[in-house]
Protein backbone atom coordinates (compact mmCIF):
# COMPACT_ATOMS: atom_id res chain seq x y z
CA UNK A 1 0.00 0.00 0.00
CA UNK A 2 2.86 2.37 0.64
CA UNK A 3 3.99 2.02 -2.98
CA UNK A 4 0.66 3.34 -4.36
CA UNK A 5 -0.61 6.05 -1.99
CA UNK A 6 -2.13 8.08 -4.83
CA UNK A 7 -4.49 5.22 -5.75
CA UNK A 8 -5.91 5.10 -2.23
CA UNK A 9 -6.48 8.85 -2.18
CA UNK A 10 -8.10 8.81 -5.63
CA UNK A 11 -10.34 5.92 -4.63
CA UNK A 12 -11.73 7.71 -1.57
CA UNK A 13 -12.06 11.27 -2.90
CA UNK A 14 -15.44 12.83 -2.16
CA UNK A 15 -15.82 14.41 -5.60
CA UNK A 16 -16.02 10.99 -7.23
CA UNK A 17 -19.23 8.98 -7.20
CA UNK A 18 -17.57 5.94 -5.62
CA UNK A 19 -16.04 7.98 -2.81
CA UNK A 20 -19.36 9.64 -2.07
CA UNK A 21 -21.20 6.31 -2.00
CA UNK A 22 -18.68 4.82 0.42
CA UNK A 23 -18.82 7.96 2.58
CA UNK A 24 -22.62 7.72 2.70
CA UNK A 25 -22.41 4.02 3.59
CA UNK A 26 -19.95 4.78 6.37
CA UNK A 27 -22.22 7.51 7.72
CA UNK A 28 -25.29 5.27 7.71
CA UNK A 29 -23.44 2.41 9.42
CA UNK A 30 -22.00 4.80 12.00
CA UNK A 31 -25.48 6.17 12.72
CA UNK A 32 -26.76 2.59 13.06
CA UNK A 33 -23.97 1.76 15.55
CA UNK A 34 -24.64 4.91 17.59
CA UNK A 35 -28.36 4.10 17.62
CA UNK A 36 -27.64 0.56 18.85
CA UNK A 37 -25.34 1.96 21.53
CA UNK A 38 -27.96 4.45 22.76
CA UNK A 39 -30.74 1.85 22.77
CA UNK A 40 -28.57 -0.80 24.46
CA UNK A 41 -27.13 1.41 27.18
CA UNK A 42 -30.42 3.24 27.65
CA UNK A 43 -32.23 -0.05 28.20
CA UNK A 44 -29.51 -1.23 30.53
CA UNK A 45 -29.61 1.95 32.61
CA UNK A 46 -33.41 1.94 32.81
CA UNK A 47 -33.47 -1.71 33.86
CA UNK A 48 -30.80 -1.11 36.51
CA UNK A 49 -32.68 1.91 37.83
CA UNK A 50 -35.99 0.02 37.94
CA UNK A 51 -34.33 -2.94 39.66
CA UNK A 52 -32.72 -0.66 42.23
CA UNK A 53 -36.04 1.06 42.98
CA UNK A 54 -38.12 -2.11 43.15
CA UNK A 55 -39.41 -3.45 46.43
CA UNK A 56 -38.98 -7.06 45.35
CA UNK A 57 -36.73 -9.07 47.62
CA UNK A 58 -36.20 -11.96 45.22
CA UNK A 59 -35.13 -11.36 41.62
CA UNK A 60 -36.49 -13.41 38.73
CA UNK A 61 -34.32 -16.31 37.62
CA UNK A 62 -33.29 -16.16 33.96
CA UNK A 63 -30.81 -19.01 34.22
CA UNK A 64 -31.73 -21.84 31.89
CA UNK A 65 -34.45 -19.87 30.09
CA UNK A 66 -34.59 -21.08 26.50
CA UNK A 67 -36.27 -17.90 25.22
CA UNK A 68 -33.58 -15.67 26.74
CA UNK A 69 -30.82 -17.87 25.32
CA UNK A 70 -32.34 -17.79 21.82
CA UNK A 71 -32.75 -14.00 21.90
CA UNK A 72 -29.22 -13.63 23.27
CA UNK A 73 -27.86 -15.68 20.34
CA UNK A 74 -30.03 -14.25 17.54
CA UNK A 75 -29.69 -10.54 18.34
CA UNK A 76 -26.00 -10.22 17.31
CA UNK A 77 -26.70 -12.28 14.18
CA UNK A 78 -29.52 -9.95 13.16
CA UNK A 79 -27.34 -6.90 13.82
CA UNK A 80 -24.51 -8.28 11.67
CA UNK A 81 -26.91 -9.14 8.83
CA UNK A 82 -28.44 -5.65 8.98
CA UNK A 83 -24.96 -4.16 8.64
CA UNK A 84 -23.73 -6.55 5.94
CA UNK A 85 -26.69 -6.15 3.56
CA UNK A 86 -26.10 -2.47 2.66
CA UNK A 87 -22.34 -3.03 2.56
CA UNK A 88 -22.67 -5.88 0.05
CA UNK A 89 -25.10 -3.81 -1.99
CA UNK A 90 -22.65 -0.90 -2.21
CA UNK A 91 -19.40 -2.84 -2.61
CA UNK A 92 -20.60 -5.40 -5.13
CA UNK A 93 -23.32 -3.32 -6.77
CA UNK A 94 -25.99 -5.96 -6.21
C-alpha atoms as a PDB file:
ATOM      1  CA  UNK A   1       0.000   0.000   0.000  1.00  0.00           C
ATOM      2  CA  UNK A   2       2.857   2.366   0.635  1.00  0.00           C
ATOM      3  CA  UNK A   3       3.993   2.024  -2.980  1.00  0.00           C
ATOM      4  CA  UNK A   4       0.664   3.341  -4.357  1.00  0.00           C
ATOM      5  CA  UNK A   5      -0.615   6.051  -1.986  1.00  0.00           C
ATOM      6  CA  UNK A   6      -2.132   8.076  -4.833  1.00  0.00           C
ATOM      7  CA  UNK A   7      -4.488   5.216  -5.748  1.00  0.00           C
ATOM      8  CA  UNK A   8      -5.914   5.105  -2.232  1.00  0.00           C
ATOM      9  CA  UNK A   9      -6.477   8.850  -2.184  1.00  0.00           C
ATOM     10  CA  UNK A  10      -8.103   8.814  -5.631  1.00  0.00           C
ATOM     11  CA  UNK A  11     -10.344   5.921  -4.635  1.00  0.00           C
ATOM     12  CA  UNK A  12     -11.725   7.709  -1.573  1.00  0.00           C
ATOM     13  CA  UNK A  13     -12.056  11.268  -2.903  1.00  0.00           C
ATOM     14  CA  UNK A  14     -15.443  12.832  -2.156  1.00  0.00           C
ATOM     15  CA  UNK A  15     -15.819  14.412  -5.597  1.00  0.00           C
ATOM     16  CA  UNK A  16     -16.022  10.991  -7.233  1.00  0.00           C
ATOM     17  CA  UNK A  17     -19.225   8.978  -7.204  1.00  0.00           C
ATOM     18  CA  UNK A  18     -17.573   5.936  -5.622  1.00  0.00           C
ATOM     19  CA  UNK A  19     -16.041   7.978  -2.812  1.00  0.00           C
ATOM     20  CA  UNK A  20     -19.365   9.642  -2.068  1.00  0.00           C
ATOM     21  CA  UNK A  21     -21.198   6.306  -2.003  1.00  0.00           C
ATOM     22  CA  UNK A  22     -18.675   4.824   0.423  1.00  0.00           C
ATOM     23  CA  UNK A  23     -18.821   7.957   2.583  1.00  0.00           C
ATOM     24  CA  UNK A  24     -22.617   7.719   2.696  1.00  0.00           C
ATOM     25  CA  UNK A  25     -22.408   4.020   3.594  1.00  0.00           C
ATOM     26  CA  UNK A  26     -19.948   4.782   6.374  1.00  0.00           C
ATOM     27  CA  UNK A  27     -22.221   7.510   7.722  1.00  0.00           C
ATOM     28  CA  UNK A  28     -25.292   5.267   7.708  1.00  0.00           C
ATOM     29  CA  UNK A  29     -23.439   2.405   9.418  1.00  0.00           C
ATOM     30  CA  UNK A  30     -22.001   4.800  12.003  1.00  0.00           C
ATOM     31  CA  UNK A  31     -25.479   6.167  12.717  1.00  0.00           C
ATOM     32  CA  UNK A  32     -26.765   2.592  13.065  1.00  0.00           C
ATOM     33  CA  UNK A  33     -23.974   1.758  15.551  1.00  0.00           C
ATOM     34  CA  UNK A  34     -24.640   4.906  17.590  1.00  0.00           C
ATOM     35  CA  UNK A  35     -28.357   4.102  17.621  1.00  0.00           C
ATOM     36  CA  UNK A  36     -27.639   0.558  18.851  1.00  0.00           C
ATOM     37  CA  UNK A  37     -25.344   1.964  21.534  1.00  0.00           C
ATOM     38  CA  UNK A  38     -27.957   4.446  22.762  1.00  0.00           C
ATOM     39  CA  UNK A  39     -30.744   1.847  22.775  1.00  0.00           C
ATOM     40  CA  UNK A  40     -28.571  -0.799  24.460  1.00  0.00           C
ATOM     41  CA  UNK A  41     -27.130   1.407  27.181  1.00  0.00           C
ATOM     42  CA  UNK A  42     -30.417   3.244  27.653  1.00  0.00           C
ATOM     43  CA  UNK A  43     -32.233  -0.046  28.196  1.00  0.00           C
ATOM     44  CA  UNK A  44     -29.508  -1.233  30.531  1.00  0.00           C
ATOM     45  CA  UNK A  45     -29.606   1.951  32.608  1.00  0.00           C
ATOM     46  CA  UNK A  46     -33.406   1.942  32.809  1.00  0.00           C
ATOM     47  CA  UNK A  47     -33.475  -1.712  33.862  1.00  0.00           C
ATOM     48  CA  UNK A  48     -30.795  -1.110  36.513  1.00  0.00           C
ATOM     49  CA  UNK A  49     -32.678   1.912  37.833  1.00  0.00           C
ATOM     50  CA  UNK A  50     -35.990   0.024  37.941  1.00  0.00           C
ATOM     51  CA  UNK A  51     -34.329  -2.942  39.656  1.00  0.00           C
ATOM     52  CA  UNK A  52     -32.725  -0.659  42.229  1.00  0.00           C
ATOM     53  CA  UNK A  53     -36.045   1.064  42.976  1.00  0.00           C
ATOM     54  CA  UNK A  54     -38.119  -2.115  43.154  1.00  0.00           C
ATOM     55  CA  UNK A  55     -39.410  -3.449  46.429  1.00  0.00           C
ATOM     56  CA  UNK A  56     -38.981  -7.061  45.353  1.00  0.00           C
ATOM     57  CA  UNK A  57     -36.726  -9.075  47.622  1.00  0.00           C
ATOM     58  CA  UNK A  58     -36.201 -11.960  45.220  1.00  0.00           C
ATOM     59  CA  UNK A  59     -35.131 -11.359  41.620  1.00  0.00           C
ATOM     60  CA  UNK A  60     -36.490 -13.410  38.728  1.00  0.00           C
ATOM     61  CA  UNK A  61     -34.317 -16.310  37.623  1.00  0.00           C
ATOM     62  CA  UNK A  62     -33.288 -16.164  33.958  1.00  0.00           C
ATOM     63  CA  UNK A  63     -30.806 -19.009  34.218  1.00  0.00           C
ATOM     64  CA  UNK A  64     -31.731 -21.843  31.887  1.00  0.00           C
ATOM     65  CA  UNK A  65     -34.452 -19.870  30.087  1.00  0.00           C
ATOM     66  CA  UNK A  66     -34.590 -21.078  26.496  1.00  0.00           C
ATOM     67  CA  UNK A  67     -36.270 -17.896  25.223  1.00  0.00           C
ATOM     68  CA  UNK A  68     -33.581 -15.675  26.741  1.00  0.00           C
ATOM     69  CA  UNK A  69     -30.816 -17.873  25.320  1.00  0.00           C
ATOM     70  CA  UNK A  70     -32.345 -17.793  21.816  1.00  0.00           C
ATOM     71  CA  UNK A  71     -32.752 -13.998  21.902  1.00  0.00           C
ATOM     72  CA  UNK A  72     -29.220 -13.628  23.268  1.00  0.00           C
ATOM     73  CA  UNK A  73     -27.862 -15.678  20.343  1.00  0.00           C
ATOM     74  CA  UNK A  74     -30.028 -14.246  17.541  1.00  0.00           C
ATOM     75  CA  UNK A  75     -29.691 -10.542  18.343  1.00  0.00           C
ATOM     76  CA  UNK A  76     -26.004 -10.223  17.311  1.00  0.00           C
ATOM     77  CA  UNK A  77     -26.703 -12.284  14.178  1.00  0.00           C
ATOM     78  CA  UNK A  78     -29.524  -9.946  13.156  1.00  0.00           C
ATOM     79  CA  UNK A  79     -27.336  -6.903  13.821  1.00  0.00           C
ATOM     80  CA  UNK A  80     -24.515  -8.282  11.672  1.00  0.00           C
ATOM     81  CA  UNK A  81     -26.908  -9.142   8.829  1.00  0.00           C
ATOM     82  CA  UNK A  82     -28.442  -5.648   8.983  1.00  0.00           C
ATOM     83  CA  UNK A  83     -24.956  -4.160   8.639  1.00  0.00           C
ATOM     84  CA  UNK A  84     -23.735  -6.551   5.944  1.00  0.00           C
ATOM     85  CA  UNK A  85     -26.692  -6.146   3.561  1.00  0.00           C
ATOM     86  CA  UNK A  86     -26.100  -2.469   2.664  1.00  0.00           C
ATOM     87  CA  UNK A  87     -22.336  -3.032   2.564  1.00  0.00           C
ATOM     88  CA  UNK A  88     -22.667  -5.880   0.053  1.00  0.00           C
ATOM     89  CA  UNK A  89     -25.103  -3.807  -1.988  1.00  0.00           C
ATOM     90  CA  UNK A  90     -22.647  -0.902  -2.213  1.00  0.00           C
ATOM     91  CA  UNK A  91     -19.404  -2.836  -2.612  1.00  0.00           C
ATOM     92  CA  UNK A  92     -20.597  -5.401  -5.132  1.00  0.00           C
ATOM     93  CA  UNK A  93     -23.323  -3.322  -6.773  1.00  0.00           C
ATOM     94  CA  UNK A  94     -25.988  -5.960  -6.209  1.00  0.00           C
END
